[in-house]
C-alpha atoms as a PDB file:
ATOM      1  CA  UNK A   1     -46.518  -2.998  78.264  1.00  0.00           C
ATOM      2  CA  UNK A   2     -44.758   0.309  78.844  1.00  0.00           C
ATOM      3  CA  UNK A   3     -41.692   1.483  76.933  1.00  0.00           C
ATOM      4  CA  UNK A   4     -38.551  -0.364  77.912  1.00  0.00           C
ATOM      5  CA  UNK A   5     -35.584   1.770  78.939  1.00  0.00           C
ATOM      6  CA  UNK A   6     -32.279   0.719  80.483  1.00  0.00           C
ATOM      7  CA  UNK A   7     -32.496   1.177  84.233  1.00  0.00           C
ATOM      8  CA  UNK A   8     -29.709  -0.997  85.640  1.00  0.00           C
ATOM      9  CA  UNK A   9     -25.942  -0.589  85.309  1.00  0.00           C
ATOM     10  CA  UNK A  10     -24.394  -3.755  86.775  1.00  0.00           C
ATOM     11  CA  UNK A  11     -20.630  -4.026  87.227  1.00  0.00           C
ATOM     12  CA  UNK A  12     -18.812  -7.218  88.164  1.00  0.00           C
ATOM     13  CA  UNK A  13     -16.261  -6.759  90.953  1.00  0.00           C
ATOM     14  CA  UNK A  14     -13.681  -9.055  92.530  1.00  0.00           C
ATOM     15  CA  UNK A  15     -13.890  -7.680  96.089  1.00  0.00           C
ATOM     16  CA  UNK A  16     -17.343  -6.452  97.114  1.00  0.00           C
ATOM     17  CA  UNK A  17     -16.112  -4.695 100.277  1.00  0.00           C
ATOM     18  CA  UNK A  18     -13.292  -2.819  98.519  1.00  0.00           C
ATOM     19  CA  UNK A  19     -15.591  -1.794  95.657  1.00  0.00           C
ATOM     20  CA  UNK A  20     -18.391  -0.744  98.021  1.00  0.00           C
ATOM     21  CA  UNK A  21     -15.959   1.546  99.843  1.00  0.00           C
ATOM     22  CA  UNK A  22     -14.731   2.971  96.509  1.00  0.00           C
ATOM     23  CA  UNK A  23     -18.219   3.718  95.161  1.00  0.00           C
ATOM     24  CA  UNK A  24     -19.385   5.144  98.496  1.00  0.00           C
ATOM     25  CA  UNK A  25     -16.442   7.539  98.243  1.00  0.00           C
ATOM     26  CA  UNK A  26     -17.088   8.715  94.694  1.00  0.00           C
ATOM     27  CA  UNK A  27     -20.901   8.784  94.951  1.00  0.00           C
ATOM     28  CA  UNK A  28     -20.819  10.454  98.385  1.00  0.00           C
ATOM     29  CA  UNK A  29     -23.745   8.326  99.528  1.00  0.00           C
ATOM     30  CA  UNK A  30     -24.547   4.984 101.067  1.00  0.00           C
ATOM     31  CA  UNK A  31     -26.084   2.196  99.006  1.00  0.00           C
ATOM     32  CA  UNK A  32     -29.861   1.699  98.944  1.00  0.00           C
ATOM     33  CA  UNK A  33     -29.389  -2.080  99.135  1.00  0.00           C
ATOM     34  CA  UNK A  34     -26.548  -4.168 100.539  1.00  0.00           C
ATOM     35  CA  UNK A  35     -26.004  -7.914 100.581  1.00  0.00           C
ATOM     36  CA  UNK A  36     -22.852 -10.029 100.831  1.00  0.00           C
ATOM     37  CA  UNK A  37     -22.423 -10.211  97.015  1.00  0.00           C
ATOM     38  CA  UNK A  38     -24.609  -7.396  95.585  1.00  0.00           C
ATOM     39  CA  UNK A  39     -24.715  -3.694  96.489  1.00  0.00           C
ATOM     40  CA  UNK A  40     -26.903  -1.074  94.780  1.00  0.00           C
ATOM     41  CA  UNK A  41     -27.202   2.717  94.672  1.00  0.00           C
ATOM     42  CA  UNK A  42     -30.024   4.825  93.328  1.00  0.00           C
ATOM     43  CA  UNK A  43     -29.011   6.495  90.065  1.00  0.00           C
ATOM     44  CA  UNK A  44     -32.090   8.742  90.024  1.00  0.00           C
ATOM     45  CA  UNK A  45     -35.643   7.882  89.057  1.00  0.00           C
ATOM     46  CA  UNK A  46     -35.971   4.156  88.410  1.00  0.00           C
ATOM     47  CA  UNK A  47     -32.289   3.698  87.552  1.00  0.00           C
ATOM     48  CA  UNK A  48     -29.955   1.607  89.713  1.00  0.00           C
ATOM     49  CA  UNK A  49     -26.171   1.296  89.689  1.00  0.00           C
ATOM     50  CA  UNK A  50     -25.037  -1.974  91.251  1.00  0.00           C
ATOM     51  CA  UNK A  51     -21.893  -3.972  91.891  1.00  0.00           C
ATOM     52  CA  UNK A  52     -21.942  -7.752  92.042  1.00  0.00           C
ATOM     53  CA  UNK A  53     -19.368 -10.347  92.998  1.00  0.00           C
ATOM     54  CA  UNK A  54     -21.642 -13.254  92.093  1.00  0.00           C
ATOM     55  CA  UNK A  55     -20.329 -13.600  88.560  1.00  0.00           C
ATOM     56  CA  UNK A  56     -16.910 -14.699  87.449  1.00  0.00           C
ATOM     57  CA  UNK A  57     -13.992 -12.769  88.877  1.00  0.00           C
ATOM     58  CA  UNK A  58     -13.160  -9.916  86.483  1.00  0.00           C
ATOM     59  CA  UNK A  59      -9.931 -10.233  84.539  1.00  0.00           C
ATOM     60  CA  UNK A  60      -8.027  -7.064  85.388  1.00  0.00           C
ATOM     61  CA  UNK A  61      -5.951  -7.477  82.210  1.00  0.00           C
ATOM     62  CA  UNK A  62      -8.999  -7.694  79.912  1.00  0.00           C
ATOM     63  CA  UNK A  63      -9.592  -4.762  77.587  1.00  0.00           C
ATOM     64  CA  UNK A  64     -12.600  -2.669  78.591  1.00  0.00           C
ATOM     65  CA  UNK A  65     -14.930  -1.522  75.836  1.00  0.00           C
ATOM     66  CA  UNK A  66     -17.514   0.346  77.854  1.00  0.00           C
ATOM     67  CA  UNK A  67     -17.583   3.216  80.303  1.00  0.00           C
ATOM     68  CA  UNK A  68     -19.784   4.275  83.138  1.00  0.00           C
ATOM     69  CA  UNK A  69     -20.496   7.972  83.321  1.00  0.00           C
ATOM     70  CA  UNK A  70     -21.057  10.658  85.908  1.00  0.00           C
ATOM     71  CA  UNK A  71     -22.563  13.716  84.254  1.00  0.00           C
ATOM     72  CA  UNK A  72     -22.294  17.043  86.064  1.00  0.00           C
ATOM     73  CA  UNK A  73     -23.931  20.426  85.517  1.00  0.00           C
ATOM     74  CA  UNK A  74     -21.026  22.248  83.869  1.00  0.00           C
ATOM     75  CA  UNK A  75     -17.420  22.134  82.679  1.00  0.00           C
ATOM     76  CA  UNK A  76     -16.460  24.007  85.854  1.00  0.00           C
ATOM     77  CA  UNK A  77     -18.002  21.289  88.028  1.00  0.00           C
ATOM     78  CA  UNK A  78     -15.967  18.697  86.107  1.00  0.00           C
ATOM     79  CA  UNK A  79     -12.752  20.579  86.910  1.00  0.00           C
ATOM     80  CA  UNK A  80     -13.784  21.046  90.571  1.00  0.00           C
ATOM     81  CA  UNK A  81     -14.462  17.315  91.016  1.00  0.00           C
ATOM     82  CA  UNK A  82     -11.169  16.451  89.321  1.00  0.00           C
ATOM     83  CA  UNK A  83      -9.318  18.711  91.773  1.00  0.00           C
ATOM     84  CA  UNK A  84     -11.042  17.002  94.736  1.00  0.00           C
ATOM     85  CA  UNK A  85     -10.446  13.459  93.462  1.00  0.00           C
ATOM     86  CA  UNK A  86      -6.841  14.197  92.527  1.00  0.00           C
ATOM     87  CA  UNK A  87      -6.183  14.679  96.262  1.00  0.00           C
ATOM     88  CA  UNK A  88      -7.603  11.224  97.117  1.00  0.00           C
ATOM     89  CA  UNK A  89      -4.985   8.453  96.752  1.00  0.00           C
ATOM     90  CA  UNK A  90      -7.709   5.764  96.553  1.00  0.00           C
ATOM     91  CA  UNK A  91      -8.996   7.207  93.255  1.00  0.00           C
ATOM     92  CA  UNK A  92      -7.027   6.141  90.174  1.00  0.00           C
ATOM     93  CA  UNK A  93      -7.015   9.028  87.673  1.00  0.00           C
ATOM     94  CA  UNK A  94      -6.748   7.377  84.246  1.00  0.00           C
ATOM     95  CA  UNK A  95      -6.887  10.543  82.115  1.00  0.00           C
ATOM     96  CA  UNK A  96      -6.492  14.168  83.102  1.00  0.00           C
ATOM     97  CA  UNK A  97      -9.160  16.699  82.098  1.00  0.00           C
ATOM     98  CA  UNK A  98      -9.408  17.543  78.419  1.00  0.00           C
ATOM     99  CA  UNK A  99     -11.884  19.265  76.126  1.00  0.00           C
ATOM    100  CA  UNK A 100     -13.949  17.001  73.876  1.00  0.00           C
ATOM    101  CA  UNK A 101     -16.858  17.746  71.538  1.00  0.00           C
ATOM    102  CA  UNK A 102     -19.282  17.238  74.459  1.00  0.00           C
ATOM    103  CA  UNK A 103     -17.299  19.359  76.932  1.00  0.00           C
ATOM    104  CA  UNK A 104     -14.696  18.969  79.648  1.00  0.00           C
ATOM    105  CA  UNK A 105     -13.973  15.379  80.687  1.00  0.00           C
ATOM    106  CA  UNK A 106     -11.640  13.102  82.619  1.00  0.00           C
ATOM    107  CA  UNK A 107     -11.448   9.386  83.417  1.00  0.00           C
ATOM    108  CA  UNK A 108     -10.930   7.353  86.573  1.00  0.00           C
ATOM    109  CA  UNK A 109     -10.778   3.588  87.095  1.00  0.00           C
ATOM    110  CA  UNK A 110     -12.415   1.573  89.835  1.00  0.00           C
ATOM    111  CA  UNK A 111     -10.449  -1.112  91.726  1.00  0.00           C
ATOM    112  CA  UNK A 112     -11.230  -3.701  89.002  1.00  0.00           C
ATOM    113  CA  UNK A 113     -10.190  -1.417  86.140  1.00  0.00           C
ATOM    114  CA  UNK A 114     -13.667  -0.326  85.002  1.00  0.00           C
ATOM    115  CA  UNK A 115     -13.537   3.129  83.394  1.00  0.00           C
ATOM    116  CA  UNK A 116     -15.682   5.956  84.754  1.00  0.00           C
ATOM    117  CA  UNK A 117     -15.989   9.118  82.656  1.00  0.00           C
ATOM    118  CA  UNK A 118     -16.865  12.445  84.273  1.00  0.00           C
ATOM    119  CA  UNK A 119     -18.302  15.032  81.890  1.00  0.00           C
ATOM    120  CA  UNK A 120     -21.026  17.706  81.662  1.00  0.00           C
ATOM    121  CA  UNK A 121     -24.653  16.647  81.273  1.00  0.00           C
ATOM    122  CA  UNK A 122     -25.897  16.324  77.685  1.00  0.00           C
END
């Protein structure tokens, strides 16, 4: 058996169409697989990012203890993407850019309240 590495990020969503439109907007690409309850995008290599409405409906009031991440090439790219997304009313900016130990970062939330962190690549 080969080494096991995480290669699937699966996020439960309450409205598959609304969430598909949201992720198509932020990823700037169409999914690699679409079904009525499951939609997936390539995350590079063997990794997949997917949304699924087949589970229980997410509780929008529940505290979130995890984040998804989009890692960019530089602090400048983080600021550029923030400026672009700030102009899009369908993107909920949860935290404005700030400097952390790993570099420049900001947060957005998807339609179900899942946090997405944008930061420079490790």
